[in-house]
Protein backbone atom coordinates (compact mmCIF):
# COMPACT_ATOMS: atom_id res chain seq x y z
CA MET A 1 22.57 -92.12 -171.80
CA ALA A 2 21.49 -95.40 -170.22
CA ILE A 3 23.90 -97.26 -172.50
CA ILE A 4 26.77 -94.98 -171.50
CA THR A 5 26.07 -95.44 -167.79
CA THR A 6 25.74 -99.20 -168.15
CA LEU A 7 28.97 -99.60 -170.11
CA ILE A 8 30.88 -97.46 -167.62
CA LEU A 9 29.52 -99.53 -164.74
CA VAL A 10 30.33 -102.82 -166.47
CA GLN A 11 33.85 -101.63 -167.21
CA GLN A 12 34.35 -100.71 -163.56
CA TYR A 13 33.13 -104.13 -162.41
CA ILE A 14 35.42 -105.89 -164.89
CA THR A 15 38.36 -103.82 -163.70
CA ARG A 16 37.60 -104.30 -160.01
CA TYR A 17 36.89 -108.03 -160.00
CA VAL A 18 38.06 -109.67 -163.23
CA LEU A 19 41.32 -107.81 -163.75
CA SER A 20 42.25 -107.80 -160.06
CA THR A 21 41.70 -111.57 -159.91
CA ALA A 22 43.70 -112.03 -163.10
CA LEU A 23 46.53 -109.95 -161.63
CA ALA A 24 46.66 -112.08 -158.47
CA LEU A 25 46.68 -115.25 -160.56
CA GLY A 26 49.31 -113.78 -162.86
CA VAL A 27 51.65 -112.82 -160.03
CA PHE A 28 51.40 -116.31 -158.56
CA GLY A 29 51.71 -118.04 -161.93
CA ASN A 30 54.61 -116.00 -163.27
CA LEU A 31 56.57 -116.24 -160.02
CA THR A 32 55.94 -119.99 -159.95
CA ALA A 33 57.18 -120.34 -163.54
CA ILE A 34 60.29 -118.30 -162.72
CA VAL A 35 61.06 -120.52 -159.71
CA VAL A 36 60.42 -123.79 -161.58
CA PHE A 37 62.31 -122.98 -164.78
CA SER A 38 65.20 -121.32 -162.91
CA GLN A 39 66.15 -124.58 -161.25
CA LYS A 40 69.64 -125.83 -161.99
CA LYS A 41 68.40 -128.87 -163.92
CA HIS A 42 66.46 -126.59 -166.30
CA ARG A 43 69.04 -123.86 -166.81
CA ILE A 44 70.98 -126.12 -169.18
CA ASN A 45 68.02 -125.96 -171.60
CA SER A 46 67.69 -122.80 -173.68
CA CYS A 47 63.88 -123.03 -173.81
CA SER A 48 63.61 -122.78 -170.02
CA ILE A 49 65.58 -119.52 -170.16
CA TYR A 50 63.13 -118.11 -172.69
CA LEU A 51 60.24 -119.26 -170.49
CA VAL A 52 61.74 -117.44 -167.51
CA ALA A 53 62.18 -114.28 -169.58
CA VAL A 54 58.59 -114.49 -170.86
CA SER A 55 57.35 -114.82 -167.27
CA ILE A 56 59.41 -111.84 -166.10
CA PHE A 57 58.20 -109.60 -168.92
CA GLY A 58 54.62 -110.78 -168.38
CA LEU A 59 54.85 -110.13 -164.64
CA ILE A 60 56.08 -106.56 -165.13
CA ALA A 61 53.59 -105.79 -167.90
CA ALA A 62 50.66 -107.15 -165.89
CA ASN A 63 51.51 -105.14 -162.79
CA TRP A 64 52.13 -101.89 -164.64
CA GLY A 65 49.01 -102.38 -166.74
CA ILE A 66 46.42 -103.64 -164.26
CA ALA A 67 47.48 -102.29 -160.87
CA PRO A 68 47.04 -98.58 -161.81
CA LEU A 69 43.58 -99.33 -163.28
CA VAL A 70 42.37 -101.08 -160.14
CA TYR A 71 43.95 -98.48 -157.85
CA ALA A 72 42.33 -95.60 -159.78
CA LEU A 73 38.82 -96.91 -159.07
CA ASP A 74 38.93 -95.71 -155.45
CA HIS A 75 42.02 -93.54 -155.33
CA TYR A 76 43.95 -90.90 -157.22
CA ASP A 77 44.48 -91.81 -160.87
CA LEU A 78 48.25 -91.53 -161.17
CA VAL A 79 48.62 -92.46 -164.83
CA ASN A 80 45.89 -90.20 -166.24
CA SER A 81 46.67 -87.28 -163.94
CA SER A 82 50.46 -87.15 -163.80
CA LEU A 83 52.36 -86.60 -167.05
CA VAL A 84 55.50 -88.13 -165.52
CA MET A 85 53.67 -91.33 -164.53
CA CYS A 86 51.89 -91.37 -167.88
CA ARG A 87 55.16 -91.40 -169.79
CA ILE A 88 57.02 -93.75 -167.42
CA SER A 89 54.16 -96.24 -167.42
CA GLY A 90 53.82 -96.11 -171.20
CA TYR A 91 57.54 -96.63 -171.72
CA ILE A 92 57.82 -99.59 -169.33
CA MET A 93 54.71 -101.20 -170.77
CA GLN A 94 55.93 -100.78 -174.35
CA VAL A 95 59.36 -102.26 -173.60
CA CYS A 96 57.92 -105.24 -171.69
CA VAL A 97 55.13 -105.92 -174.18
CA MET A 98 57.48 -105.90 -177.18
CA SER A 99 60.09 -107.95 -175.31
CA PHE A 100 57.39 -110.45 -174.34
CA ARG A 101 56.34 -110.91 -177.97
CA SER A 102 59.90 -111.05 -179.29
CA THR A 103 60.93 -113.62 -176.68
CA LEU A 104 58.00 -115.82 -177.67
CA ILE A 105 59.23 -115.69 -181.25
CA LEU A 106 62.76 -116.57 -180.15
CA MET A 107 61.47 -119.47 -178.07
CA CYS A 108 59.54 -120.96 -180.99
CA ALA A 109 62.51 -120.43 -183.30
CA ASP A 110 64.71 -122.16 -180.73
CA ARG A 111 62.44 -125.22 -180.67
CA TYR A 112 62.29 -125.28 -184.46
CA ALA A 113 66.08 -125.07 -184.72
CA LEU A 114 66.37 -127.99 -182.30
CA CYS A 115 64.50 -130.21 -184.79
CA ASN A 116 66.74 -129.23 -187.68
CA PRO A 117 68.84 -132.11 -189.08
CA ARG A 118 71.90 -129.84 -189.41
CA ALA A 119 74.12 -129.83 -186.33
CA SER A 120 75.17 -126.21 -186.92
CA ILE A 121 71.54 -125.09 -186.62
CA ARG A 122 70.90 -127.22 -183.54
CA ALA A 123 73.99 -125.67 -181.95
CA LEU A 124 72.08 -122.38 -181.72
CA CYS A 125 69.89 -123.92 -179.00
CA ARG A 126 72.36 -123.15 -176.22
CA PRO A 127 71.78 -121.23 -172.97
CA GLN A 128 74.51 -118.75 -173.89
CA ILE A 129 72.69 -117.90 -177.13
CA ALA A 130 69.42 -117.49 -175.22
CA TYR A 131 70.93 -115.08 -172.67
CA ARG A 132 72.57 -112.98 -175.38
CA SER A 133 69.45 -112.91 -177.55
CA ILE A 134 67.22 -111.79 -174.69
CA GLY A 135 69.71 -109.10 -173.66
CA ILE A 136 69.99 -107.77 -177.22
CA LEU A 137 66.21 -107.72 -177.62
CA LEU A 138 65.73 -105.86 -174.35
CA ILE A 139 68.29 -103.19 -175.27
CA PHE A 140 66.82 -102.91 -178.77
CA TRP A 141 63.27 -102.25 -177.52
CA MET A 142 64.50 -99.89 -174.83
CA ILE A 143 66.03 -97.76 -177.58
CA VAL A 144 63.23 -98.12 -180.14
CA SER A 145 60.52 -97.32 -177.55
CA ILE A 146 62.14 -94.03 -176.48
CA HIS A 147 59.53 -92.14 -178.54
CA ILE A 148 56.81 -93.15 -176.05
CA PRO A 149 57.94 -90.94 -173.13
CA ILE A 150 58.63 -88.08 -175.55
CA TRP A 151 55.27 -87.92 -177.32
CA LYS A 152 52.79 -89.28 -174.79
CA SER A 153 50.53 -86.64 -173.26
CA ILE A 154 47.31 -86.23 -171.30
CA GLU A 155 44.14 -84.83 -172.87
CA ASN A 156 40.69 -84.92 -171.28
CA ASN A 157 42.12 -86.87 -168.33
CA ARG A 158 43.35 -89.66 -170.60
CA CYS A 159 46.98 -90.66 -171.10
CA ASN A 160 47.60 -91.40 -174.77
CA ILE A 161 49.36 -90.27 -177.96
CA TYR A 162 47.40 -87.66 -179.91
CA GLY A 163 47.54 -85.68 -183.13
CA LEU A 164 49.25 -86.69 -186.34
CA TYR A 165 51.87 -88.67 -184.46
CA GLY A 166 49.07 -90.60 -182.79
CA GLN A 167 47.77 -91.70 -186.19
CA VAL A 168 51.26 -92.69 -187.32
CA ILE A 169 51.93 -94.63 -184.15
CA SER A 170 48.64 -96.48 -184.57
CA TYR A 171 49.97 -98.08 -187.75
CA TYR A 172 53.25 -98.79 -185.95
CA PHE A 173 51.33 -100.64 -183.24
CA LEU A 174 49.22 -102.37 -185.87
CA PHE A 175 52.24 -103.95 -187.52
CA PHE A 176 54.76 -104.40 -184.70
CA ILE A 177 52.32 -105.38 -181.93
CA GLY A 178 49.72 -107.18 -184.02
CA ILE A 179 50.38 -108.39 -187.55
CA ILE A 180 54.12 -109.16 -187.51
CA PRO A 181 54.30 -111.07 -184.17
CA ILE A 182 51.12 -113.04 -184.82
CA SER A 183 52.02 -114.02 -188.40
CA THR A 184 55.59 -114.90 -187.40
CA LEU A 185 54.52 -117.07 -184.46
CA VAL A 186 51.84 -118.85 -186.48
CA THR A 187 54.30 -119.56 -189.30
CA ILE A 188 57.02 -120.92 -187.01
CA SER A 189 54.48 -122.98 -185.05
CA ILE A 190 53.16 -124.59 -188.22
CA LEU A 191 56.71 -125.41 -189.34
CA LEU A 192 57.49 -126.81 -185.88
CA ILE A 193 54.44 -129.07 -185.90
CA LYS A 194 55.29 -130.36 -189.38
CA THR A 195 58.88 -131.00 -188.34
CA LEU A 196 57.80 -132.90 -185.25
CA ARG A 197 55.51 -135.11 -187.32
CA HIS A 198 58.36 -135.76 -189.74
CA LEU A 199 60.69 -136.71 -186.89
CA HIS A 200 58.13 -139.09 -185.40
CA SER A 201 57.90 -140.91 -188.71
CA HIS A 202 61.63 -141.02 -189.59
CA VAL A 203 63.72 -140.87 -186.40
CA GLN A 204 64.80 -144.08 -184.70
CA PRO A 205 62.75 -145.07 -181.62
CA ASN A 206 65.59 -144.51 -179.14
CA ASP A 207 66.23 -141.00 -180.50
CA THR A 208 62.51 -140.24 -180.37
CA ARG A 209 62.27 -141.27 -176.71
CA ARG A 210 65.37 -139.24 -175.87
CA MET A 211 63.92 -136.15 -177.57
CA LYS A 212 60.62 -136.63 -175.74
CA ARG A 213 62.31 -136.77 -172.38
CA ARG A 214 64.34 -133.64 -172.97
CA ASP A 215 62.38 -131.38 -175.23
CA ILE A 216 58.84 -132.44 -176.13
CA GLN A 217 57.43 -130.95 -172.92
CA PHE A 218 59.07 -127.61 -173.69
CA MET A 219 57.75 -127.74 -177.23
CA LYS A 220 54.22 -128.31 -175.94
CA LEU A 221 54.55 -125.36 -173.56
CA ALA A 222 55.83 -123.13 -176.37
CA LEU A 223 52.99 -124.09 -178.71
CA ALA A 224 50.39 -123.63 -175.97
CA GLU A 225 51.69 -120.13 -175.23
CA VAL A 226 51.52 -119.27 -178.92
CA ILE A 227 47.88 -120.40 -179.13
CA VAL A 228 46.92 -118.27 -176.12
CA PHE A 229 48.91 -115.32 -177.46
CA VAL A 230 47.18 -115.42 -180.85
CA PHE A 231 43.75 -115.74 -179.23
CA CYS A 232 44.33 -112.82 -176.86
CA THR A 233 45.98 -110.46 -179.35
CA ALA A 234 44.26 -111.17 -182.68
CA SER A 235 41.45 -108.70 -181.99
CA HIS A 236 43.86 -105.93 -180.96
CA PRO A 237 45.12 -104.90 -184.44
CA ILE A 238 41.59 -105.17 -185.85
CA MET A 239 40.19 -102.82 -183.22
CA LEU A 240 43.16 -100.50 -183.55
CA LEU A 241 42.75 -100.28 -187.32
CA TYR A 242 39.01 -99.65 -186.98
CA THR A 243 39.53 -96.89 -184.41
CA THR A 244 42.18 -95.16 -186.52
CA ILE A 245 40.11 -95.24 -189.70
CA SER A 246 36.81 -94.27 -188.05
CA ASN A 247 38.38 -91.34 -186.20
CA SER A 248 39.77 -89.96 -189.46
CA ILE A 249 36.50 -90.43 -191.42
CA ILE A 250 33.79 -89.73 -188.84
CA LEU A 251 34.51 -86.44 -187.14
CA ASN A 252 31.32 -85.95 -185.13
CA LYS A 253 30.58 -89.16 -183.27
CA SER A 254 27.72 -89.36 -180.80
CA ALA A 255 28.48 -89.80 -177.11
CA GLU A 256 26.95 -93.29 -177.17
CA ARG A 257 29.09 -94.39 -180.10
CA LYS A 258 32.23 -93.04 -178.45
CA GLN A 259 31.46 -94.97 -175.27
CA ILE A 260 30.72 -98.18 -177.18
CA GLU A 261 34.01 -97.88 -179.05
CA ALA A 262 35.83 -97.09 -175.82
CA PHE A 263 34.35 -100.18 -174.18
CA ALA A 264 35.29 -102.37 -177.17
CA SER A 265 38.82 -100.98 -177.02
CA PHE A 266 38.93 -101.71 -173.28
CA ILE A 267 38.00 -105.36 -173.89
CA THR A 268 40.35 -105.96 -176.81
CA GLN A 269 43.29 -103.74 -175.90
CA SER A 270 43.24 -104.12 -172.13
CA VAL A 271 41.34 -107.15 -170.82
CA LEU A 272 42.40 -109.68 -173.46
CA LEU A 273 45.97 -108.39 -173.68
CA TYR A 274 46.42 -108.47 -169.92
CA MET A 275 44.93 -111.96 -169.74
CA ASN A 276 47.73 -113.08 -172.03
CA TYR A 277 50.26 -112.16 -169.34
CA ASN A 278 48.31 -113.58 -166.41
CA ILE A 279 47.12 -117.04 -167.42
CA LEU A 280 50.49 -118.60 -168.22
CA PHE A 281 50.28 -120.74 -165.09
CA LEU A 282 46.98 -122.23 -166.25
CA VAL A 283 48.47 -122.78 -169.70
CA HIS A 284 51.54 -124.54 -168.31
CA ALA A 285 49.59 -126.59 -165.76
CA SER A 286 47.00 -127.76 -168.27
CA THR A 287 49.61 -128.57 -170.92
CA SER A 288 52.36 -130.39 -169.02
CA LYS A 289 52.00 -133.06 -166.34
CA THR A 290 55.70 -132.69 -165.61
CA TYR A 291 55.20 -129.00 -164.87
CA ARG A 292 52.38 -129.79 -162.43
CA MET A 293 54.59 -132.29 -160.62
CA GLU A 294 57.48 -129.83 -160.41
CA VAL A 295 55.21 -127.10 -159.03
CA LYS A 296 54.00 -129.57 -156.40
CA GLU A 297 57.59 -130.46 -155.50
CA CYS A 298 58.54 -126.78 -155.17
CA ILE A 299 55.55 -126.09 -152.92
CA LEU A 300 56.41 -129.09 -150.72
CA LYS A 301 60.03 -127.93 -150.48
CA ILE A 302 58.96 -124.44 -149.42
CA ILE A 303 56.55 -125.87 -146.84
CA GLY A 304 59.31 -128.15 -145.54
CA LYS A 305 61.72 -125.25 -145.20
CA LEU A 306 59.12 -123.13 -143.39
CA ARG A 307 58.40 -125.99 -141.00
CA GLY A 308 62.12 -126.42 -140.39
CA ILE A 309 62.55 -122.72 -139.65
CA LYS A 310 59.55 -122.76 -137.30
CA GLN A 311 60.85 -125.85 -135.53
CA ASN A 312 64.31 -124.32 -135.11
CA GLN A 313 62.79 -121.15 -133.70
CA GLY A 314 60.72 -123.23 -131.27
CA ASN A 315 63.79 -125.16 -130.14
CA ALA A 316 65.73 -121.94 -129.68
CA THR A 317 62.88 -120.51 -127.60
CA ARG A 318 62.71 -123.59 -125.36
CA ILE A 319 66.48 -123.56 -124.85
CA SER A 320 66.49 -119.88 -123.95
CA VAL A 321 63.61 -120.36 -121.49
CA GLY A 322 65.27 -123.41 -119.87
CA GLU A 323 68.65 -121.74 -119.44
CA GLN A 324 69.60 -120.74 -115.91
CA PRO A 325 71.66 -117.64 -115.22
CA ARG A 326 75.26 -118.40 -114.33
CA ALA A 327 76.40 -117.60 -110.80
CA ILE A 328 78.93 -114.80 -110.49
CA THR A 329 82.15 -116.04 -108.94
């Protein structure tokens, strides 16, 4: 029983301090990325549009995933007590999580297509294609994920999918959340790295410098996001597969074993997955010097605007105080 109590306490501390801090960092980082990559000079590049979409999906997923956990520590647990909130939360999370992964794949494919020697392939790297692709993906996952609000239920104060459908959906998650996105991203990233090396050795110097100025920074950001994604999600399908198999083989698990497995699932399927959506700012800032400079410029612009507004308000106050009432004639 000591192990159970300790793991529950550790999980509460992680939720209260680690996840809440990650959420605050994620909100700041994702909003910063949205502001930076939404600038007019970046909107002409398809990769910046994918980066904005990734930040939006990550922002929504992080808030819907972490905020209810932190709130439930000291207040009413909405997700695990209300069937409506359970299903709404599960549906929104599923759509955003799958859209996040799919957009990452599109972004890497976009960078790989840009390095293709065929002009018809490079022509796919246009903002119009990016907008349409993201819209199609979002609609697709909104339709495909409709099973979540239908089958999700609450048992023993826990919102989840149970029964035979729960076992089937575990394999669905295993492939479409774990194996397929990870293997696809790793494959495209390897091809992209090989293509970049080939270009560096065969392209003329002027073309190489022009590509560096326009696109190398975006390629670095895309590859860095893939590395973080693989690190944060690789353990998820493994833990999911283990839980599904062990639950079907071992029927009578001890309370301690159940709590240990629950804690392991919390780390792999909650903490690491949510970190993936909340550390993009650190990934971008540590990868690209240009990004750090643009964030600094945006912050200075905002400070300048706030100072201007404050100064105008002060001038308006002084004018109103110095005004004398007109005499009635």
